[in-house]
Amino acid sequence: MRNYTGSPILLFFLLFFSTALTFPTRTGPDIPRPSKFVEIDYSTIDNYARNAPESAAKNLTTLSEYLTSPARTNLAKARSVYAWITSHIRYDESAFSGQRYSSEVDYANRVLRSRKAVCTGFALLFKHLLNQTGIQVANIKGYSRTNDSEAGQPIQRLDHEWNAVQLDGDWYLLDLAWAQTTAKPGPDGKVQPNDFFFLTEPVAFAANHFPTDTRWQLLDPLVSKKQFDQFPKIYDAYFRLGFDSDFPKSGLMRASDGLTLSLQNEKDVEFMCSIGRQGGSTASHVPVSVRRSGNKYELTVPVAQRGNSTLYVFAKPKGPRMERVKSYEGIASFTVVKN
């Protein structure tokens, strides 16, 4: 199982869920629905959960009671459990490798004791802390696109697990393992989980997650595995910076001396690009020519290297003309083929 860690080049036992769960229903062509939970200030809940005393974490029951007893809503309960897990559990690829466990609860208890897990452990701990409060949580297994070299390439390994949680009658998606592994320092200097992966919009989630049970896409129409395999590698910054949710669906681009990529964003943004050998650890900056017409940006970059390469695209909000320090974020990567 692979964790989602941003490439340096870009700056910066699977179980079926309980058959007692109610499957999600697709809500129609207006998906992705804007999440009514996005703009909420969670700081009070987060501080309470992150500062939980060790005595509260003796077992699943005591921890669940501590984290959720002050909460007045199911959203607050889910957020409190999320905040505790992402601040107390460390992603560790060696955790439980090759070991067997007798039940989901047994696995979740091991995670609680060791404070380390892979994606299954994050998902099962979240599920069983919330199940005790009556909130329905699903564990979802599937494929994930984690590496830039996988842009536009078939994802062969069933390698990841995440959650869906039911709040106010609707299902929402979240990936605690990725939220923890892409944590960054906040304004106060303390490391904060990447909340992009908390109640993520279905279209954005589908860019890098493909569930074996496609109903858990929460999309209409559904994405096929063949379509998913063709996607570029899309980073959360793509959506955070305001790019159109209808992201490019082809991650494999063929080039002659250059190539042109079209992106849509209502905001004023700046771009930077680099290209490196596919699967390599280095990339070189390449000049990018940008043409804008309304919300549409056309990026044209030269391609000198033959064979398979990876094109990395970075962006940032447009700054003042004399801006001295420019801080770009990786938004997407593409596989480029030049014969």
C-alpha atoms as a PDB file:
ATOM      1  CA  MET A   1       0.000   0.000   0.000  1.00  0.00           C
ATOM      2  CA  ARG A   2       1.448   3.285  -1.073  1.00  0.00           C
ATOM      3  CA  ASN A   3       1.162   6.584   0.661  1.00  0.00           C
ATOM      4  CA  TYR A   4       0.623   9.855  -1.121  1.00  0.00           C
ATOM      5  CA  THR A   5       3.787  11.892  -0.741  1.00  0.00           C
ATOM      6  CA  GLY A   6       4.519  14.798  -3.020  1.00  0.00           C
ATOM      7  CA  SER A   7       7.469  14.179  -5.293  1.00  0.00           C
ATOM      8  CA  PRO A   8      10.569  16.250  -4.452  1.00  0.00           C
ATOM      9  CA  ILE A   9      10.414  17.467  -8.029  1.00  0.00           C
ATOM     10  CA  LEU A  10       7.032  19.001  -7.242  1.00  0.00           C
ATOM     11  CA  LEU A  11       8.402  21.137  -4.415  1.00  0.00           C
ATOM     12  CA  PHE A  12       7.436  20.042  -1.763  1.00  0.00           C
ATOM     13  CA  PHE A  13      -4.788  -6.787   4.278  1.00  0.00           C
ATOM     14  CA  LEU A  14      -7.597  -5.163   2.595  1.00  0.00           C
ATOM     15  CA  LEU A  15     -11.073  -5.817   4.030  1.00  0.00           C
ATOM     16  CA  PHE A  16     -14.583  -5.551   2.598  1.00  0.00           C
ATOM     17  CA  PHE A  17     -16.796  -3.113   4.458  1.00  0.00           C
ATOM     18  CA  SER A  18     -19.749  -4.395   6.436  1.00  0.00           C
ATOM     19  CA  THR A  19     -22.645  -5.665   4.366  1.00  0.00           C
ATOM     20  CA  ALA A  20     -24.950  -3.848   6.785  1.00  0.00           C
ATOM     21  CA  LEU A  21     -23.993  -0.502   5.285  1.00  0.00           C
ATOM     22  CA  THR A  22     -26.395   1.407   3.080  1.00  0.00           C
ATOM     23  CA  PHE A  23     -24.794   1.975  -0.295  1.00  0.00           C
ATOM     24  CA  PRO A  24     -24.569   5.531  -1.601  1.00  0.00           C
ATOM     25  CA  THR A  25     -26.986   6.760  -4.189  1.00  0.00           C
ATOM     26  CA  ARG A  26     -25.841   9.026  -6.968  1.00  0.00           C
ATOM     27  CA  THR A  27     -27.403  12.440  -6.689  1.00  0.00           C
ATOM     28  CA  GLY A  28     -27.617  13.408 -10.328  1.00  0.00           C
ATOM     29  CA  PRO A  29     -25.815  15.552 -12.886  1.00  0.00           C
ATOM     30  CA  ASP A  30     -25.160  18.410 -10.462  1.00  0.00           C
ATOM     31  CA  ILE A  31     -22.321  16.471  -8.782  1.00  0.00           C
ATOM     32  CA  PRO A  32     -19.849  17.571  -7.545  1.00  0.00           C
ATOM     33  CA  ARG A  33     -22.061  19.175  -4.948  1.00  0.00           C
ATOM     34  CA  PRO A  34     -20.350  22.027  -3.102  1.00  0.00           C
ATOM     35  CA  SER A  35     -19.617  20.671   0.358  1.00  0.00           C
ATOM     36  CA  LYS A  36     -21.499  22.611   3.018  1.00  0.00           C
ATOM     37  CA  PHE A  37     -18.672  21.740   5.407  1.00  0.00           C
ATOM     38  CA  VAL A  38     -15.757  23.326   3.543  1.00  0.00           C
ATOM     39  CA  GLU A  39     -15.801  26.786   5.097  1.00  0.00           C
ATOM     40  CA  ILE A  40     -16.320  25.711   8.704  1.00  0.00           C
ATOM     41  CA  ASP A  41     -13.732  26.772  11.292  1.00  0.00           C
ATOM     42  CA  TYR A  42     -12.650  23.510  12.919  1.00  0.00           C
ATOM     43  CA  SER A  43      -9.951  25.007  15.162  1.00  0.00           C
ATOM     44  CA  THR A  44     -11.800  24.442  18.465  1.00  0.00           C
ATOM     45  CA  ILE A  45     -12.562  20.815  17.630  1.00  0.00           C
ATOM     46  CA  ASP A  46      -9.038  20.228  16.338  1.00  0.00           C
ATOM     47  CA  ASN A  47      -7.371  21.662  19.423  1.00  0.00           C
ATOM     48  CA  TYR A  48      -9.551  19.564  21.707  1.00  0.00           C
ATOM     49  CA  ALA A  49      -8.755  16.352  19.816  1.00  0.00           C
ATOM     50  CA  ARG A  50      -5.042  16.964  19.331  1.00  0.00           C
ATOM     51  CA  ASN A  51      -4.571  17.714  23.020  1.00  0.00           C
ATOM     52  CA  ALA A  52      -6.382  14.604  24.236  1.00  0.00           C
ATOM     53  CA  PRO A  53      -4.667  13.125  27.311  1.00  0.00           C
ATOM     54  CA  GLU A  54      -3.021   9.751  26.958  1.00  0.00           C
ATOM     55  CA  SER A  55      -5.399   8.371  29.572  1.00  0.00           C
ATOM     56  CA  ALA A  56      -8.228   8.814  27.058  1.00  0.00           C
ATOM     57  CA  ALA A  57      -6.538   6.516  24.550  1.00  0.00           C
ATOM     58  CA  LYS A  58      -6.482   3.362  26.670  1.00  0.00           C
ATOM     59  CA  ASN A  59      -8.738   1.591  24.174  1.00  0.00           C
ATOM     60  CA  LEU A  60     -11.151   2.266  21.323  1.00  0.00           C
ATOM     61  CA  THR A  61     -14.108   2.819  23.630  1.00  0.00           C
ATOM     62  CA  THR A  62     -12.467   5.344  25.948  1.00  0.00           C
ATOM     63  CA  LEU A  63     -10.952   7.266  23.051  1.00  0.00           C
ATOM     64  CA  SER A  64     -14.206   7.356  21.101  1.00  0.00           C
ATOM     65  CA  GLU A  65     -16.075   8.613  24.159  1.00  0.00           C
ATOM     66  CA  TYR A  66     -13.507  11.315  24.860  1.00  0.00           C
ATOM     67  CA  LEU A  67     -13.345  12.564  21.284  1.00  0.00           C
ATOM     68  CA  THR A  68     -17.071  12.581  20.574  1.00  0.00           C
ATOM     69  CA  SER A  69     -18.848  13.218  23.880  1.00  0.00           C
ATOM     70  CA  PRO A  70     -18.650  17.051  23.684  1.00  0.00           C
ATOM     71  CA  ALA A  71     -19.777  17.069  20.033  1.00  0.00           C
ATOM     72  CA  ARG A  72     -23.305  18.194  19.225  1.00  0.00           C
ATOM     73  CA  THR A  73     -23.289  17.027  15.601  1.00  0.00           C
ATOM     74  CA  ASN A  74     -22.067  14.007  13.661  1.00  0.00           C
ATOM     75  CA  LEU A  75     -19.816  16.327  11.660  1.00  0.00           C
ATOM     76  CA  ALA A  76     -18.093  17.462  14.863  1.00  0.00           C
ATOM     77  CA  LYS A  77     -17.639  13.828  15.929  1.00  0.00           C
ATOM     78  CA  ALA A  78     -16.128  12.885  12.567  1.00  0.00           C
ATOM     79  CA  ARG A  79     -13.840  15.901  12.614  1.00  0.00           C
ATOM     80  CA  SER A  80     -12.658  15.203  16.162  1.00  0.00           C
ATOM     81  CA  VAL A  81     -11.745  11.609  15.314  1.00  0.00           C
ATOM     82  CA  TYR A  82     -10.030  12.757  12.099  1.00  0.00           C
ATOM     83  CA  ALA A  83      -8.024  15.401  13.979  1.00  0.00           C
ATOM     84  CA  TRP A  84      -6.831  12.926  16.621  1.00  0.00           C
ATOM     85  CA  ILE A  85      -5.797  10.253  14.134  1.00  0.00           C
ATOM     86  CA  THR A  86      -3.937  12.601  11.793  1.00  0.00           C
ATOM     87  CA  SER A  87      -2.027  14.123  14.708  1.00  0.00           C
ATOM     88  CA  HIS A  88      -1.259  10.928  16.649  1.00  0.00           C
ATOM     89  CA  ILE A  89      -0.823   8.163  14.053  1.00  0.00           C
ATOM     90  CA  ARG A  90       2.278   8.073  11.868  1.00  0.00           C
ATOM     91  CA  TYR A  91       2.360   6.522   8.414  1.00  0.00           C
ATOM     92  CA  ASP A  92       4.882   3.675   8.457  1.00  0.00           C
ATOM     93  CA  GLU A  93       5.187   1.300   5.516  1.00  0.00           C
ATOM     94  CA  SER A  94       6.620  -1.400   7.770  1.00  0.00           C
ATOM     95  CA  ALA A  95       3.584  -1.363  10.046  1.00  0.00           C
ATOM     96  CA  PHE A  96       1.979  -4.802  10.230  1.00  0.00           C
ATOM     97  CA  SER A  97       3.717  -5.862   7.012  1.00  0.00           C
ATOM     98  CA  GLY A  98       2.945  -9.525   6.431  1.00  0.00           C
ATOM     99  CA  GLN A  99       1.208  -9.885   9.795  1.00  0.00           C
ATOM    100  CA  ARG A 100      -2.219 -11.384  10.209  1.00  0.00           C
ATOM    101  CA  TYR A 101      -5.070 -10.084  12.311  1.00  0.00           C
ATOM    102  CA  SER A 102      -8.260 -11.731  13.476  1.00  0.00           C
ATOM    103  CA  SER A 103     -10.685  -8.880  12.890  1.00  0.00           C
ATOM    104  CA  GLU A 104     -11.004  -5.246  11.939  1.00  0.00           C
ATOM    105  CA  VAL A 105     -11.248  -4.327  15.617  1.00  0.00           C
ATOM    106  CA  ASP A 106      -8.043  -6.259  16.341  1.00  0.00           C
ATOM    107  CA  TYR A 107      -6.283  -4.316  13.586  1.00  0.00           C
ATOM    108  CA  ALA A 108      -7.619  -0.979  14.833  1.00  0.00           C
ATOM    109  CA  ASN A 109      -6.464  -1.781  18.363  1.00  0.00           C
ATOM    110  CA  ARG A 110      -2.961  -2.573  17.117  1.00  0.00           C
ATOM    111  CA  VAL A 111      -2.827   0.799  15.393  1.00  0.00           C
ATOM    112  CA  LEU A 112      -3.997   2.522  18.569  1.00  0.00           C
ATOM    113  CA  ARG A 113      -1.269   0.822  20.605  1.00  0.00           C
ATOM    114  CA  SER A 114       1.600   1.270  18.137  1.00  0.00           C
ATOM    115  CA  ARG A 115       0.594   4.742  16.824  1.00  0.00           C
ATOM    116  CA  LYS A 116       1.721   3.764  13.326  1.00  0.00           C
ATOM    117  CA  ALA A 117      -0.136   2.398  10.335  1.00  0.00           C
ATOM    118  CA  VAL A 118      -0.478   2.094   6.599  1.00  0.00           C
ATOM    119  CA  CYS A 119      -3.643   3.197   4.831  1.00  0.00           C
ATOM    120  CA  THR A 120      -5.751   0.251   6.051  1.00  0.00           C
ATOM    121  CA  GLY A 121      -4.893   1.075   9.648  1.00  0.00           C
ATOM    122  CA  PHE A 122      -5.874   4.729   9.279  1.00  0.00           C
ATOM    123  CA  ALA A 123      -9.168   3.734   7.655  1.00  0.00           C
ATOM    124  CA  LEU A 124     -10.065   1.025  10.171  1.00  0.00           C
ATOM    125  CA  LEU A 125      -9.228   3.162  13.185  1.00  0.00           C
ATOM    126  CA  PHE A 126     -11.437   5.973  11.855  1.00  0.00           C
ATOM    127  CA  LYS A 127     -14.240   3.515  11.165  1.00  0.00           C
ATOM    128  CA  HIS A 128     -14.251   1.815  14.554  1.00  0.00           C
ATOM    129  CA  LEU A 129     -13.891   4.985  16.599  1.00  0.00           C
ATOM    130  CA  LEU A 130     -16.952   6.434  14.872  1.00  0.00           C
ATOM    131  CA  ASN A 131     -19.013   3.246  14.625  1.00  0.00           C
ATOM    132  CA  GLN A 132     -19.312   3.283  18.407  1.00  0.00           C
ATOM    133  CA  THR A 133     -21.297   6.512  18.112  1.00  0.00           C
ATOM    134  CA  GLY A 134     -23.702   5.093  15.534  1.00  0.00           C
ATOM    135  CA  ILE A 135     -22.203   6.954  12.573  1.00  0.00           C
ATOM    136  CA  GLN A 136     -21.944   4.834   9.440  1.00  0.00           C
ATOM    137  CA  VAL A 137     -18.446   4.617   7.991  1.00  0.00           C
ATOM    138  CA  ALA A 138     -17.338   2.533   5.021  1.00  0.00           C
ATOM    139  CA  ASN A 139     -13.862   1.267   4.303  1.00  0.00           C
ATOM    140  CA  ILE A 140     -13.202   1.438   0.583  1.00  0.00           C
ATOM    141  CA  LYS A 141     -10.419  -0.378  -1.177  1.00  0.00           C
ATOM    142  CA  GLY A 142      -9.124   0.513  -4.591  1.00  0.00           C
ATOM    143  CA  TYR A 143      -6.383   1.857  -6.819  1.00  0.00           C
ATOM    144  CA  SER A 144      -4.496   5.096  -6.292  1.00  0.00           C
ATOM    145  CA  ARG A 145      -2.253   7.220  -8.488  1.00  0.00           C
ATOM    146  CA  THR A 146       0.640   8.342  -6.310  1.00  0.00           C
ATOM    147  CA  ASN A 147       3.634   8.824  -8.596  1.00  0.00           C
ATOM    148  CA  ASP A 148       4.280  11.292 -11.400  1.00  0.00           C
ATOM    149  CA  SER A 149       5.561   8.474 -13.600  1.00  0.00           C
ATOM    150  CA  GLU A 150       2.048   6.950 -13.475  1.00  0.00           C
ATOM    151  CA  ALA A 151       0.489   9.873 -15.355  1.00  0.00           C
ATOM    152  CA  GLY A 152      -1.508   8.449 -18.251  1.00  0.00           C
ATOM    153  CA  GLN A 153      -0.442   4.913 -17.339  1.00  0.00           C
ATOM    154  CA  PRO A 154      -2.522   1.903 -16.171  1.00  0.00           C
ATOM    155  CA  ILE A 155      -2.518   1.450 -12.397  1.00  0.00           C
ATOM    156  CA  GLN A 156      -1.957  -2.261 -11.894  1.00  0.00           C
ATOM    157  CA  ARG A 157      -1.868  -2.689  -8.120  1.00  0.00           C
ATOM    158  CA  LEU A 158      -4.861  -2.742  -5.818  1.00  0.00           C
ATOM    159  CA  ASP A 159      -2.941  -0.815  -3.220  1.00  0.00           C
ATOM    160  CA  HIS A 160      -4.975   1.638  -1.194  1.00  0.00           C
ATOM    161  CA  GLU A 161      -7.844   2.012   1.273  1.00  0.00           C
ATOM    162  CA  TRP A 162      -9.843   5.021   2.390  1.00  0.00           C
ATOM    163  CA  ASN A 163     -13.214   5.962   3.934  1.00  0.00           C
ATOM    164  CA  ALA A 164     -16.649   7.311   3.279  1.00  0.00           C
ATOM    165  CA  VAL A 165     -18.701   8.718   6.148  1.00  0.00           C
ATOM    166  CA  GLN A 166     -22.436   9.387   6.237  1.00  0.00           C
ATOM    167  CA  LEU A 167     -23.393  12.833   7.537  1.00  0.00           C
ATOM    168  CA  ASP A 168     -26.910  14.251   7.429  1.00  0.00           C
ATOM    169  CA  GLY A 169     -27.973  11.450   5.096  1.00  0.00           C
ATOM    170  CA  ASP A 170     -25.226  12.074   2.499  1.00  0.00           C
ATOM    171  CA  TRP A 171     -21.966  10.208   1.970  1.00  0.00           C
ATOM    172  CA  TYR A 172     -18.634  12.048   1.932  1.00  0.00           C
ATOM    173  CA  LEU A 173     -15.155  10.826   1.016  1.00  0.00           C
ATOM    174  CA  LEU A 174     -11.948  11.188   3.005  1.00  0.00           C
ATOM    175  CA  ASP A 175      -8.427   9.773   3.013  1.00  0.00           C
ATOM    176  CA  LEU A 176      -6.747  10.055   6.408  1.00  0.00           C
ATOM    177  CA  ALA A 177      -3.498   8.440   5.275  1.00  0.00           C
ATOM    178  CA  TRP A 178      -2.998  11.027   2.546  1.00  0.00           C
ATOM    179  CA  ALA A 179      -4.084  13.869   4.828  1.00  0.00           C
ATOM    180  CA  GLN A 180      -1.357  12.813   7.262  1.00  0.00           C
ATOM    181  CA  THR A 181       1.411  12.113   4.749  1.00  0.00           C
ATOM    182  CA  THR A 182       0.934  15.480   3.019  1.00  0.00           C
ATOM    183  CA  ALA A 183       0.709  17.504   6.236  1.00  0.00           C
ATOM    184  CA  LYS A 184       2.374  20.921   6.141  1.00  0.00           C
ATOM    185  CA  PRO A 185       3.254  23.645   8.666  1.00  0.00           C
ATOM    186  CA  GLY A 186       0.358  25.982   9.359  1.00  0.00           C
ATOM    187  CA  PRO A 187       0.457  29.730  10.083  1.00  0.00           C
ATOM    188  CA  ASP A 188       1.581  28.992  13.640  1.00  0.00           C
ATOM    189  CA  GLY A 189       4.421  26.758  12.443  1.00  0.00           C
ATOM    190  CA  LYS A 190       2.769  23.580  13.694  1.00  0.00           C
ATOM    191  CA  VAL A 191       2.293  20.757  11.210  1.00  0.00           C
ATOM    192  CA  GLN A 192      -1.318  20.523  10.070  1.00  0.00           C
ATOM    193  CA  PRO A 193      -2.957  17.661   8.160  1.00  0.00           C
ATOM    194  CA  ASN A 194      -3.917  18.347   4.573  1.00  0.00           C
ATOM    195  CA  ASP A 195      -7.637  19.014   4.930  1.00  0.00           C
ATOM    196  CA  PHE A 196      -8.133  18.717   1.184  1.00  0.00           C
ATOM    197  CA  PHE A 197      -8.595  15.012   1.906  1.00  0.00           C
ATOM    198  CA  PHE A 198     -11.314  15.615   4.522  1.00  0.00           C
ATOM    199  CA  LEU A 199     -14.777  15.406   2.926  1.00  0.00           C
ATOM    200  CA  THR A 200     -13.287  15.831  -0.547  1.00  0.00           C
ATOM    201  CA  GLU A 201     -15.548  16.585  -3.495  1.00  0.00           C
ATOM    202  CA  PRO A 202     -16.150  13.397  -5.543  1.00  0.00           C
ATOM    203  CA  VAL A 203     -14.709  14.708  -8.828  1.00  0.00           C
ATOM    204  CA  ALA A 204     -11.477  15.849  -7.178  1.00  0.00           C
ATOM    205  CA  PHE A 205     -11.226  12.591  -5.230  1.00  0.00           C
ATOM    206  CA  ALA A 206     -11.702  10.545  -8.404  1.00  0.00           C
ATOM    207  CA  ALA A 207      -8.627  12.111  -9.986  1.00  0.00           C
ATOM    208  CA  ASN A 208      -6.381   9.807  -7.941  1.00  0.00           C
ATOM    209  CA  HIS A 209      -8.723   7.218  -6.359  1.00  0.00           C
ATOM    210  CA  PHE A 210     -10.570   4.397  -8.096  1.00  0.00           C
ATOM    211  CA  PRO A 211     -12.664   2.133  -5.819  1.00  0.00           C
ATOM    212  CA  THR A 212     -13.205  -1.526  -6.678  1.00  0.00           C
ATOM    213  CA  ASP A 213     -16.895  -0.957  -6.001  1.00  0.00           C
ATOM    214  CA  THR A 214     -17.579   1.941  -8.354  1.00  0.00           C
ATOM    215  CA  ARG A 215     -20.673   3.056  -6.412  1.00  0.00           C
ATOM    216  CA  TRP A 216     -18.280   4.618  -3.927  1.00  0.00           C
ATOM    217  CA  GLN A 217     -17.163   7.127  -6.545  1.00  0.00           C
ATOM    218  CA  LEU A 218     -20.336   9.081  -5.654  1.00  0.00           C
ATOM    219  CA  LEU A 219     -20.342  10.245  -9.269  1.00  0.00           C
ATOM    220  CA  ASP A 220     -22.852  10.317 -12.094  1.00  0.00           C
ATOM    221  CA  PRO A 221     -21.801   9.292 -14.661  1.00  0.00           C
ATOM    222  CA  LEU A 222     -19.301   6.833 -13.229  1.00  0.00           C
ATOM    223  CA  VAL A 223     -15.654   6.794 -14.275  1.00  0.00           C
ATOM    224  CA  SER A 224     -14.424   3.516 -15.791  1.00  0.00           C
ATOM    225  CA  LYS A 225     -11.106   1.937 -14.855  1.00  0.00           C
ATOM    226  CA  LYS A 226      -9.943   2.526 -18.438  1.00  0.00           C
ATOM    227  CA  GLN A 227     -10.710   6.232 -18.113  1.00  0.00           C
ATOM    228  CA  PHE A 228      -9.014   6.432 -14.714  1.00  0.00           C
ATOM    229  CA  ASP A 229      -5.868   4.816 -16.128  1.00  0.00           C
ATOM    230  CA  GLN A 230      -5.621   7.607 -18.693  1.00  0.00           C
ATOM    231  CA  PHE A 231      -5.738  10.467 -16.190  1.00  0.00           C
ATOM    232  CA  PRO A 232      -2.704  12.655 -15.498  1.00  0.00           C
ATOM    233  CA  LYS A 233      -1.368  12.932 -11.980  1.00  0.00           C
ATOM    234  CA  ILE A 234      -3.442  15.729 -10.451  1.00  0.00           C
ATOM    235  CA  TYR A 235      -2.329  17.345  -7.200  1.00  0.00           C
ATOM    236  CA  ASP A 236      -4.645  18.908  -4.632  1.00  0.00           C
ATOM    237  CA  ALA A 237      -3.164  22.334  -5.424  1.00  0.00           C
ATOM    238  CA  TYR A 238      -4.860  22.097  -8.834  1.00  0.00           C
ATOM    239  CA  PHE A 239      -8.256  22.352  -7.154  1.00  0.00           C
ATOM    240  CA  ARG A 240      -7.199  24.649  -4.327  1.00  0.00           C
ATOM    241  CA  LEU A 241      -5.884  27.220  -6.815  1.00  0.00           C
ATOM    242  CA  GLY A 242      -9.245  27.332  -8.578  1.00  0.00           C
ATOM    243  CA  PHE A 243      -8.690  25.320 -11.739  1.00  0.00           C
ATOM    244  CA  ASP A 244     -11.775  23.887 -13.421  1.00  0.00           C
ATOM    245  CA  SER A 245     -12.932  20.620 -11.853  1.00  0.00           C
ATOM    246  CA  ASP A 246     -13.112  19.240 -15.394  1.00  0.00           C
ATOM    247  CA  PHE A 247      -9.389  18.527 -15.295  1.00  0.00           C
ATOM    248  CA  PRO A 248      -7.522  17.197 -18.383  1.00  0.00           C
ATOM    249  CA  LYS A 249      -8.475  13.547 -18.826  1.00  0.00           C
ATOM    250  CA  SER A 250      -5.478  12.473 -20.898  1.00  0.00           C
ATOM    251  CA  GLY A 251      -2.209  12.148 -19.012  1.00  0.00           C
ATOM    252  CA  LEU A 252      -0.299  10.843 -22.061  1.00  0.00           C
ATOM    253  CA  MET A 253       0.762  13.508 -24.525  1.00  0.00           C
ATOM    254  CA  ARG A 254       2.632  13.034 -27.788  1.00  0.00           C
ATOM    255  CA  ALA A 255       4.989  15.789 -28.844  1.00  0.00           C
ATOM    256  CA  SER A 256       7.058  16.857 -31.810  1.00  0.00           C
ATOM    257  CA  ASP A 257       9.207  19.855 -31.000  1.00  0.00           C
ATOM    258  CA  GLY A 258       6.706  21.054 -28.426  1.00  0.00           C
ATOM    259  CA  LEU A 259       3.248  20.541 -26.977  1.00  0.00           C
ATOM    260  CA  THR A 260       0.285  22.645 -25.921  1.00  0.00           C
ATOM    261  CA  LEU A 261      -1.817  22.079 -22.806  1.00  0.00           C
ATOM    262  CA  SER A 262      -5.151  23.764 -22.080  1.00  0.00           C
ATOM    263  CA  LEU A 263      -6.329  24.563 -18.546  1.00  0.00           C
ATOM    264  CA  GLN A 264      -9.224  26.617 -17.216  1.00  0.00           C
ATOM    265  CA  ASN A 265      -9.237  28.971 -14.266  1.00  0.00           C
ATOM    266  CA  GLU A 266     -11.273  32.089 -13.568  1.00  0.00           C
ATOM    267  CA  LYS A 267      -8.463  33.526 -11.478  1.00  0.00           C
ATOM    268  CA  ASP A 268      -5.213  35.195 -12.520  1.00  0.00           C
ATOM    269  CA  VAL A 269      -2.456  32.597 -12.207  1.00  0.00           C
ATOM    270  CA  GLU A 270       1.170  32.192 -13.226  1.00  0.00           C
ATOM    271  CA  PHE A 271       2.830  28.997 -14.457  1.00  0.00           C
ATOM    272  CA  MET A 272       6.173  27.268 -14.404  1.00  0.00           C
ATOM    273  CA  CYS A 273       7.096  23.954 -16.081  1.00  0.00           C
ATOM    274  CA  SER A 274       9.889  21.404 -15.968  1.00  0.00           C
ATOM    275  CA  ILE A 275      10.627  18.169 -17.812  1.00  0.00           C
ATOM    276  CA  GLY A 276      12.583  15.113 -16.710  1.00  0.00           C
ATOM    277  CA  ARG A 277      13.171  11.553 -17.799  1.00  0.00           C
ATOM    278  CA  GLN A 278      10.172   9.383 -16.851  1.00  0.00           C
ATOM    279  CA  GLY A 279      10.835   7.715 -13.507  1.00  0.00           C
ATOM    280  CA  GLY A 280      13.912   9.867 -12.926  1.00  0.00           C
ATOM    281  CA  SER A 281      14.698  11.963  -9.877  1.00  0.00           C
ATOM    282  CA  THR A 282      15.617  15.215 -11.616  1.00  0.00           C
ATOM    283  CA  ALA A 283      13.963  17.623 -14.002  1.00  0.00           C
ATOM    284  CA  SER A 284      15.016  20.729 -15.875  1.00  0.00           C
ATOM    285  CA  HIS A 285      13.158  23.994 -16.086  1.00  0.00           C
ATOM    286  CA  VAL A 286      11.693  24.703 -19.529  1.00  0.00           C
ATOM    287  CA  PRO A 287      10.300  27.993 -20.815  1.00  0.00           C
ATOM    288  CA  VAL A 288       6.527  28.140 -21.007  1.00  0.00           C
ATOM    289  CA  SER A 289       4.524  30.385 -23.294  1.00  0.00           C
ATOM    290  CA  VAL A 290       1.099  31.249 -21.876  1.00  0.00           C
ATOM    291  CA  ARG A 291      -1.868  32.563 -23.841  1.00  0.00           C
ATOM    292  CA  ARG A 292      -5.079  33.463 -22.051  1.00  0.00           C
ATOM    293  CA  SER A 293      -8.547  33.896 -23.495  1.00  0.00           C
ATOM    294  CA  GLY A 294     -11.171  34.437 -20.832  1.00  0.00           C
ATOM    295  CA  ASN A 295     -10.930  31.515 -18.409  1.00  0.00           C
ATOM    296  CA  LYS A 296      -8.829  29.406 -20.771  1.00  0.00           C
ATOM    297  CA  TYR A 297      -5.052  29.205 -20.497  1.00  0.00           C
ATOM    298  CA  GLU A 298      -2.946  27.630 -23.264  1.00  0.00           C
ATOM    299  CA  LEU A 299       0.515  26.553 -22.163  1.00  0.00           C
ATOM    300  CA  THR A 300       3.088  25.762 -24.841  1.00  0.00           C
ATOM    301  CA  VAL A 301       6.415  24.206 -23.890  1.00  0.00           C
ATOM    302  CA  PRO A 302       9.337  22.932 -26.001  1.00  0.00           C
ATOM    303  CA  VAL A 303      10.224  19.228 -25.849  1.00  0.00           C
ATOM    304  CA  ALA A 304      13.814  18.457 -26.807  1.00  0.00           C
ATOM    305  CA  GLN A 305      14.343  15.035 -25.255  1.00  0.00           C
ATOM    306  CA  ARG A 306      13.292  11.941 -27.187  1.00  0.00           C
ATOM    307  CA  GLY A 307      11.613   8.983 -25.537  1.00  0.00           C
ATOM    308  CA  ASN A 308       9.335   9.124 -22.509  1.00  0.00           C
ATOM    309  CA  SER A 309       9.505  12.116 -20.214  1.00  0.00           C
ATOM    310  CA  THR A 310       7.422  13.620 -17.430  1.00  0.00           C
ATOM    311  CA  LEU A 311       6.115  17.156 -17.740  1.00  0.00           C
ATOM    312  CA  TYR A 312       5.597  18.858 -14.377  1.00  0.00           C
ATOM    313  CA  VAL A 313       3.251  21.844 -14.257  1.00  0.00           C
ATOM    314  CA  PHE A 314       3.387  24.355 -11.398  1.00  0.00           C
ATOM    315  CA  ALA A 315       1.158  27.332 -10.693  1.00  0.00           C
ATOM    316  CA  LYS A 316       0.620  30.175  -8.231  1.00  0.00           C
ATOM    317  CA  PRO A 317      -1.739  33.123  -7.842  1.00  0.00           C
ATOM    318  CA  LYS A 318      -0.531  36.008  -9.972  1.00  0.00           C
ATOM    319  CA  GLY A 319       1.601  38.342  -7.895  1.00  0.00           C
ATOM    320  CA  PRO A 320       2.826  41.917  -8.330  1.00  0.00           C
ATOM    321  CA  ARG A 321       5.068  42.604 -11.308  1.00  0.00           C
ATOM    322  CA  MET A 322       8.180  43.082  -9.201  1.00  0.00           C
ATOM    323  CA  GLU A 323       7.514  40.091  -6.918  1.00  0.00           C
ATOM    324  CA  ARG A 324      10.917  38.975  -5.624  1.00  0.00           C
ATOM    325  CA  VAL A 325      10.078  35.503  -4.302  1.00  0.00           C
ATOM    326  CA  LYS A 326       7.701  33.274  -6.239  1.00  0.00           C
ATOM    327  CA  SER A 327       6.311  30.179  -4.558  1.00  0.00           C
ATOM    328  CA  TYR A 328       4.789  27.701  -6.994  1.00  0.00           C
ATOM    329  CA  GLU A 329       2.918  24.489  -6.227  1.00  0.00           C
ATOM    330  CA  GLY A 330       2.816  21.393  -8.384  1.00  0.00           C
ATOM    331  CA  ILE A 331      -0.662  21.046  -9.901  1.00  0.00           C
ATOM    332  CA  ALA A 332      -0.257  18.207 -12.417  1.00  0.00           C
ATOM    333  CA  SER A 333       2.151  15.957 -14.259  1.00  0.00           C
ATOM    334  CA  PHE A 334       1.900  14.313 -17.680  1.00  0.00           C
ATOM    335  CA  THR A 335       3.747  11.604 -19.535  1.00  0.00           C
ATOM    336  CA  VAL A 336       5.241  12.999 -22.729  1.00  0.00           C
ATOM    337  CA  VAL A 337       6.272  10.773 -25.641  1.00  0.00           C
ATOM    338  CA  LYS A 338       8.532  12.079 -28.385  1.00  0.00           C
ATOM    339  CA  ASN A 339       9.721   9.716 -31.146  1.00  0.00           C
END
